[in-house]
Amino acid sequence: MDILLQGYLETHYDDASESEQQAFEALLDEADLDILSWIMKKTQPDENYVNIINVIRQFAEHAKLNAKQ
């Protein structure tokens, strides 16, 4: 979990909108198991986190594809 969130932080956070940055910061207060469940689409995130979770999912998919190359 930490690797995924740190990767997003290092590569996307600075360029993100203020609202996305705020959502990410709020997300960090949530339990790791909840965040993981949302990212893995096992449960639905609170509506406040839908957009940031989608961005993190996209980041994870992109990182996964690059790791395979």
PDB file of N, CA and C in Angstrom:
ATOM      1  N   MET A   1       0.824  -1.184   0.000  1.00  0.00           N
ATOM      2  CA  MET A   1       0.000   0.000   0.000  1.00  0.00           C
ATOM      3  C   MET A   1       0.866   1.244   0.000  1.00  0.00           C
ATOM      4  N   ASP A   2       1.861   1.256   0.863  1.00  0.00           N
ATOM      5  CA  ASP A   2       2.740   2.419   0.958  1.00  0.00           C
ATOM      6  C   ASP A   2       3.463   2.688  -0.356  1.00  0.00           C
ATOM      7  N   ILE A   3       3.909   1.633  -1.024  1.00  0.00           N
ATOM      8  CA  ILE A   3       4.622   1.793  -2.290  1.00  0.00           C
ATOM      9  C   ILE A   3       3.711   2.418  -3.338  1.00  0.00           C
ATOM     10  N   LEU A   4       2.494   1.958  -3.415  1.00  0.00           N
ATOM     11  CA  LEU A   4       1.545   2.488  -4.387  1.00  0.00           C
ATOM     12  C   LEU A   4       1.236   3.955  -4.109  1.00  0.00           C
ATOM     13  N   LEU A   5       0.928   4.282  -2.882  1.00  0.00           N
ATOM     14  CA  LEU A   5       0.599   5.673  -2.543  1.00  0.00           C
ATOM     15  C   LEU A   5       1.815   6.580  -2.656  1.00  0.00           C
ATOM     16  N   GLN A   6       2.978   6.078  -2.292  1.00  0.00           N
ATOM     17  CA  GLN A   6       4.193   6.874  -2.424  1.00  0.00           C
ATOM     18  C   GLN A   6       4.506   7.116  -3.903  1.00  0.00           C
ATOM     19  N   GLY A   7       4.285   6.112  -4.731  1.00  0.00           N
ATOM     20  CA  GLY A   7       4.506   6.276  -6.164  1.00  0.00           C
ATOM     21  C   GLY A   7       3.609   7.355  -6.756  1.00  0.00           C
ATOM     22  N   TYR A   8       2.341   7.338  -6.363  1.00  0.00           N
ATOM     23  CA  TYR A   8       1.427   8.392  -6.811  1.00  0.00           C
ATOM     24  C   TYR A   8       1.922   9.750  -6.325  1.00  0.00           C
ATOM     25  N   LEU A   9       2.293   9.820  -5.068  1.00  0.00           N
ATOM     26  CA  LEU A   9       2.747  11.066  -4.475  1.00  0.00           C
ATOM     27  C   LEU A   9       3.951  11.623  -5.228  1.00  0.00           C
ATOM     28  N   GLU A  10       4.906  10.781  -5.534  1.00  0.00           N
ATOM     29  CA  GLU A  10       6.135  11.226  -6.188  1.00  0.00           C
ATOM     30  C   GLU A  10       5.942  11.603  -7.656  1.00  0.00           C
ATOM     31  N   THR A  11       4.993  10.974  -8.328  1.00  0.00           N
ATOM     32  CA  THR A  11       4.869  11.210  -9.768  1.00  0.00           C
ATOM     33  C   THR A  11       3.688  12.086 -10.178  1.00  0.00           C
ATOM     34  N   HIS A  12       2.642  12.157  -9.366  1.00  0.00           N
ATOM     35  CA  HIS A  12       1.437  12.875  -9.788  1.00  0.00           C
ATOM     36  C   HIS A  12       0.982  13.997  -8.866  1.00  0.00           C
ATOM     37  N   TYR A  13       1.320  13.919  -7.613  1.00  0.00           N
ATOM     38  CA  TYR A  13       0.759  14.850  -6.633  1.00  0.00           C
ATOM     39  C   TYR A  13       1.028  16.316  -6.979  1.00  0.00           C
ATOM     40  N   ASP A  14       2.252  16.641  -7.323  1.00  0.00           N
ATOM     41  CA  ASP A  14       2.604  18.036  -7.598  1.00  0.00           C
ATOM     42  C   ASP A  14       1.827  18.629  -8.763  1.00  0.00           C
ATOM     43  N   ASP A  15       1.470  17.803  -9.734  1.00  0.00           N
ATOM     44  CA  ASP A  15       0.741  18.274 -10.913  1.00  0.00           C
ATOM     45  C   ASP A  15      -0.772  18.172 -10.758  1.00  0.00           C
ATOM     46  N   ALA A  16      -1.231  17.596  -9.673  1.00  0.00           N
ATOM     47  CA  ALA A  16      -2.671  17.392  -9.455  1.00  0.00           C
ATOM     48  C   ALA A  16      -3.347  18.715  -9.095  1.00  0.00           C
ATOM     49  N   SER A  17      -4.640  18.750  -9.344  1.00  0.00           N
ATOM     50  CA  SER A  17      -5.422  19.927  -8.958  1.00  0.00           C
ATOM     51  C   SER A  17      -5.465  20.018  -7.435  1.00  0.00           C
ATOM     52  N   GLU A  18      -5.828  21.185  -6.959  1.00  0.00           N
ATOM     53  CA  GLU A  18      -5.917  21.373  -5.508  1.00  0.00           C
ATOM     54  C   GLU A  18      -6.937  20.424  -4.890  1.00  0.00           C
ATOM     55  N   SER A  19      -8.063  20.218  -5.580  1.00  0.00           N
ATOM     56  CA  SER A  19      -9.089  19.322  -5.038  1.00  0.00           C
ATOM     57  C   SER A  19      -8.593  17.874  -5.002  1.00  0.00           C
ATOM     58  N   GLU A  20      -7.812  17.482  -6.013  1.00  0.00           N
ATOM     59  CA  GLU A  20      -7.259  16.126  -6.016  1.00  0.00           C
ATOM     60  C   GLU A  20      -6.223  15.971  -4.902  1.00  0.00           C
ATOM     61  N   GLN A  21      -5.415  16.989  -4.686  1.00  0.00           N
ATOM     62  CA  GLN A  21      -4.437  16.945  -3.603  1.00  0.00           C
ATOM     63  C   GLN A  21      -5.134  16.831  -2.247  1.00  0.00           C
ATOM     64  N   GLN A  22      -6.207  17.589  -2.068  1.00  0.00           N
ATOM     65  CA  GLN A  22      -6.950  17.532  -0.807  1.00  0.00           C
ATOM     66  C   GLN A  22      -7.574  16.156  -0.607  1.00  0.00           C
ATOM     67  N   ALA A  23      -8.112  15.589  -1.681  1.00  0.00           N
ATOM     68  CA  ALA A  23      -8.709  14.253  -1.580  1.00  0.00           C
ATOM     69  C   ALA A  23      -7.650  13.220  -1.219  1.00  0.00           C
ATOM     70  N   PHE A  24      -6.471  13.340  -1.824  1.00  0.00           N
ATOM     71  CA  PHE A  24      -5.385  12.407  -1.511  1.00  0.00           C
ATOM     72  C   PHE A  24      -4.980  12.528  -0.051  1.00  0.00           C
ATOM     73  N   GLU A  25      -4.835  13.754   0.425  1.00  0.00           N
ATOM     74  CA  GLU A  25      -4.450  13.970   1.820  1.00  0.00           C
ATOM     75  C   GLU A  25      -5.497  13.398   2.773  1.00  0.00           C
ATOM     76  N   ALA A  26      -6.774  13.583   2.452  1.00  0.00           N
ATOM     77  CA  ALA A  26      -7.837  13.026   3.292  1.00  0.00           C
ATOM     78  C   ALA A  26      -7.822  11.501   3.237  1.00  0.00           C
ATOM     79  N   LEU A  27      -7.530  10.958   2.068  1.00  0.00           N
ATOM     80  CA  LEU A  27      -7.477   9.507   1.894  1.00  0.00           C
ATOM     81  C   LEU A  27      -6.449   8.870   2.827  1.00  0.00           C
ATOM     82  N   LEU A  28      -5.358   9.574   3.070  1.00  0.00           N
ATOM     83  CA  LEU A  28      -4.295   9.039   3.924  1.00  0.00           C
ATOM     84  C   LEU A  28      -4.754   8.795   5.354  1.00  0.00           C
ATOM     85  N   ASP A  29      -5.863   9.407   5.750  1.00  0.00           N
ATOM     86  CA  ASP A  29      -6.405   9.199   7.093  1.00  0.00           C
ATOM     87  C   ASP A  29      -7.258   7.936   7.188  1.00  0.00           C
ATOM     88  N   GLU A  30      -7.561   7.337   6.056  1.00  0.00           N
ATOM     89  CA  GLU A  30      -8.384   6.125   6.028  1.00  0.00           C
ATOM     90  C   GLU A  30      -7.524   4.895   6.319  1.00  0.00           C
ATOM     91  N   ALA A  31      -8.166   3.842   6.722  1.00  0.00           N
ATOM     92  CA  ALA A  31      -7.463   2.586   7.014  1.00  0.00           C
ATOM     93  C   ALA A  31      -6.902   1.981   5.724  1.00  0.00           C
ATOM     94  N   ASP A  32      -5.691   1.447   5.812  1.00  0.00           N
ATOM     95  CA  ASP A  32      -5.053   0.845   4.646  1.00  0.00           C
ATOM     96  C   ASP A  32      -5.916  -0.240   4.010  1.00  0.00           C
ATOM     97  N   LEU A  33      -6.558  -1.057   4.833  1.00  0.00           N
ATOM     98  CA  LEU A  33      -7.390  -2.133   4.286  1.00  0.00           C
ATOM     99  C   LEU A  33      -8.575  -1.583   3.504  1.00  0.00           C
ATOM    100  N   ASP A  34      -9.135  -0.472   3.945  1.00  0.00           N
ATOM    101  CA  ASP A  34     -10.231   0.153   3.197  1.00  0.00           C
ATOM    102  C   ASP A  34      -9.724   0.678   1.861  1.00  0.00           C
ATOM    103  N   ILE A  35      -8.599   1.367   1.875  1.00  0.00           N
ATOM    104  CA  ILE A  35      -8.035   1.910   0.635  1.00  0.00           C
ATOM    105  C   ILE A  35      -7.741   0.789  -0.350  1.00  0.00           C
ATOM    106  N   LEU A  36      -7.125  -0.263   0.130  1.00  0.00           N
ATOM    107  CA  LEU A  36      -6.814  -1.402  -0.730  1.00  0.00           C
ATOM    108  C   LEU A  36      -8.083  -2.018  -1.303  1.00  0.00           C
ATOM    109  N   SER A  37      -9.096  -2.155  -0.500  1.00  0.00           N
ATOM    110  CA  SER A  37     -10.368  -2.704  -0.963  1.00  0.00           C
ATOM    111  C   SER A  37     -10.980  -1.827  -2.053  1.00  0.00           C
ATOM    112  N   TRP A  38     -10.881  -0.528  -1.898  1.00  0.00           N
ATOM    113  CA  TRP A  38     -11.413   0.398  -2.906  1.00  0.00           C
ATOM    114  C   TRP A  38     -10.607   0.313  -4.200  1.00  0.00           C
ATOM    115  N   ILE A  39      -9.287   0.278  -4.078  1.00  0.00           N
ATOM    116  CA  ILE A  39      -8.436   0.219  -5.269  1.00  0.00           C
ATOM    117  C   ILE A  39      -8.659  -1.086  -6.020  1.00  0.00           C
ATOM    118  N   MET A  40      -8.853  -2.163  -5.287  1.00  0.00           N
ATOM    119  CA  MET A  40      -9.050  -3.466  -5.914  1.00  0.00           C
ATOM    120  C   MET A  40     -10.500  -3.706  -6.341  1.00  0.00           C
ATOM    121  N   LYS A  41     -11.335  -2.703  -6.165  1.00  0.00           N
ATOM    122  CA  LYS A  41     -12.754  -2.750  -6.557  1.00  0.00           C
ATOM    123  C   LYS A  41     -13.551  -3.814  -5.801  1.00  0.00           C
ATOM    124  N   LYS A  42     -13.123  -4.128  -4.585  1.00  0.00           N
ATOM    125  CA  LYS A  42     -13.876  -5.081  -3.768  1.00  0.00           C
ATOM    126  C   LYS A  42     -15.039  -4.393  -3.069  1.00  0.00           C
ATOM    127  N   THR A  43     -14.855  -3.128  -2.740  1.00  0.00           N
ATOM    128  CA  THR A  43     -15.924  -2.315  -2.159  1.00  0.00           C
ATOM    129  C   THR A  43     -15.891  -0.946  -2.818  1.00  0.00           C
ATOM    130  N   GLN A  44     -16.986  -0.222  -2.677  1.00  0.00           N
ATOM    131  CA  GLN A  44     -17.083   1.114  -3.256  1.00  0.00           C
ATOM    132  C   GLN A  44     -16.583   2.157  -2.254  1.00  0.00           C
ATOM    133  N   PRO A  45     -15.735   3.068  -2.735  1.00  0.00           N
ATOM    134  CA  PRO A  45     -15.276   4.124  -1.831  1.00  0.00           C
ATOM    135  C   PRO A  45     -16.372   5.146  -1.569  1.00  0.00           C
ATOM    136  N   ASP A  46     -16.213   5.865  -0.488  1.00  0.00           N
ATOM    137  CA  ASP A  46     -17.064   7.011  -0.208  1.00  0.00           C
ATOM    138  C   ASP A  46     -17.000   7.943  -1.415  1.00  0.00           C
ATOM    139  N   GLU A  47     -18.077   8.624  -1.714  1.00  0.00           N
ATOM    140  CA  GLU A  47     -18.120   9.479  -2.906  1.00  0.00           C
ATOM    141  C   GLU A  47     -17.028  10.543  -2.906  1.00  0.00           C
ATOM    142  N   ASN A  48     -16.530  10.916  -1.742  1.00  0.00           N
ATOM    143  CA  ASN A  48     -15.441  11.900  -1.671  1.00  0.00           C
ATOM    144  C   ASN A  48     -14.133  11.354  -2.229  1.00  0.00           C
ATOM    145  N   TYR A  49     -14.027  10.029  -2.317  1.00  0.00           N
ATOM    146  CA  TYR A  49     -12.782   9.407  -2.753  1.00  0.00           C
ATOM    147  C   TYR A  49     -12.851   8.765  -4.135  1.00  0.00           C
ATOM    148  N   VAL A  50     -13.990   8.779  -4.769  1.00  0.00           N
ATOM    149  CA  VAL A  50     -14.138   8.084  -6.053  1.00  0.00           C
ATOM    150  C   VAL A  50     -13.102   8.551  -7.066  1.00  0.00           C
ATOM    151  N   ASN A  51     -12.962   9.859  -7.235  1.00  0.00           N
ATOM    152  CA  ASN A  51     -12.039  10.369  -8.254  1.00  0.00           C
ATOM    153  C   ASN A  51     -10.586  10.043  -7.933  1.00  0.00           C
ATOM    154  N   ILE A  52     -10.173  10.249  -6.702  1.00  0.00           N
ATOM    155  CA  ILE A  52      -8.772   9.977  -6.356  1.00  0.00           C
ATOM    156  C   ILE A  52      -8.476   8.487  -6.433  1.00  0.00           C
ATOM    157  N   ILE A  53      -9.412   7.657  -6.069  1.00  0.00           N
ATOM    158  CA  ILE A  53      -9.210   6.205  -6.184  1.00  0.00           C
ATOM    159  C   ILE A  53      -9.055   5.825  -7.657  1.00  0.00           C
ATOM    160  N   ASN A  54      -9.854   6.415  -8.535  1.00  0.00           N
ATOM    161  CA  ASN A  54      -9.721   6.132  -9.972  1.00  0.00           C
ATOM    162  C   ASN A  54      -8.366   6.570 -10.503  1.00  0.00           C
ATOM    163  N   VAL A  55      -7.881   7.711 -10.053  1.00  0.00           N
ATOM    164  CA  VAL A  55      -6.564   8.189 -10.478  1.00  0.00           C
ATOM    165  C   VAL A  55      -5.475   7.233  -9.990  1.00  0.00           C
ATOM    166  N   ILE A  56      -5.580   6.797  -8.748  1.00  0.00           N
ATOM    167  CA  ILE A  56      -4.584   5.869  -8.201  1.00  0.00           C
ATOM    168  C   ILE A  56      -4.661   4.528  -8.926  1.00  0.00           C
ATOM    169  N   ARG A  57      -5.839   4.073  -9.266  1.00  0.00           N
ATOM    170  CA  ARG A  57      -5.979   2.825 -10.049  1.00  0.00           C
ATOM    171  C   ARG A  57      -5.263   2.960 -11.383  1.00  0.00           C
ATOM    172  N   GLN A  58      -5.467   4.096 -12.058  1.00  0.00           N
ATOM    173  CA  GLN A  58      -4.809   4.327 -13.348  1.00  0.00           C
ATOM    174  C   GLN A  58      -3.295   4.345 -13.180  1.00  0.00           C
ATOM    175  N   PHE A  59      -2.831   4.996 -12.125  1.00  0.00           N
ATOM    176  CA  PHE A  59      -1.398   5.020 -11.855  1.00  0.00           C
ATOM    177  C   PHE A  59      -0.882   3.597 -11.648  1.00  0.00           C
ATOM    178  N   ALA A  60      -1.603   2.800 -10.876  1.00  0.00           N
ATOM    179  CA  ALA A  60      -1.186   1.425 -10.581  1.00  0.00           C
ATOM    180  C   ALA A  60      -1.128   0.588 -11.856  1.00  0.00           C
ATOM    181  N   GLU A  61      -2.119   0.740 -12.718  1.00  0.00           N
ATOM    182  CA  GLU A  61      -2.133  -0.003 -13.981  1.00  0.00           C
ATOM    183  C   GLU A  61      -0.955   0.414 -14.864  1.00  0.00           C
ATOM    184  N   HIS A  62      -0.704   1.704 -14.938  1.00  0.00           N
ATOM    185  CA  HIS A  62       0.411   2.214 -15.742  1.00  0.00           C
ATOM    186  C   HIS A  62       1.739   1.691 -15.189  1.00  0.00           C
ATOM    187  N   ALA A  63       1.900   1.715 -13.885  1.00  0.00           N
ATOM    188  CA  ALA A  63       3.124   1.221 -13.260  1.00  0.00           C
ATOM    189  C   ALA A  63       3.300  -0.275 -13.503  1.00  0.00           C
ATOM    190  N   LYS A  64       2.190  -0.996 -13.453  1.00  0.00           N
ATOM    191  CA  LYS A  64       2.227  -2.440 -13.687  1.00  0.00           C
ATOM    192  C   LYS A  64       2.665  -2.752 -15.121  1.00  0.00           C
ATOM    193  N   LEU A  65       2.121  -2.013 -16.077  1.00  0.00           N
ATOM    194  CA  LEU A  65       2.487  -2.218 -17.482  1.00  0.00           C
ATOM    195  C   LEU A  65       3.954  -1.888 -17.729  1.00  0.00           C
ATOM    196  N   ASN A  66       4.421  -0.814 -17.135  1.00  0.00           N
ATOM    197  CA  ASN A  66       5.829  -0.423 -17.313  1.00  0.00           C
ATOM    198  C   ASN A  66       6.765  -1.426 -16.671  1.00  0.00           C
ATOM    199  N   ALA A  67       6.353  -2.051 -15.580  1.00  0.00           N
ATOM    200  CA  ALA A  67       7.188  -3.029 -14.897  1.00  0.00           C
ATOM    201  C   ALA A  67       7.368  -4.290 -15.741  1.00  0.00           C
ATOM    202  N   LYS A  68       6.382  -4.586 -16.568  1.00  0.00           N
ATOM    203  CA  LYS A  68       6.441  -5.783 -17.411  1.00  0.00           C
ATOM    204  C   LYS A  68       7.347  -5.593 -18.619  1.00  0.00           C
ATOM    205  N   GLN A  69       7.622  -4.359 -18.978  1.00  0.00           N
ATOM    206  CA  GLN A  69       8.429  -4.097 -20.189  1.00  0.00           C
ATOM    207  C   GLN A  69       9.895  -4.128 -19.908  1.00  0.00           C
TER     208      GLN A  69
END
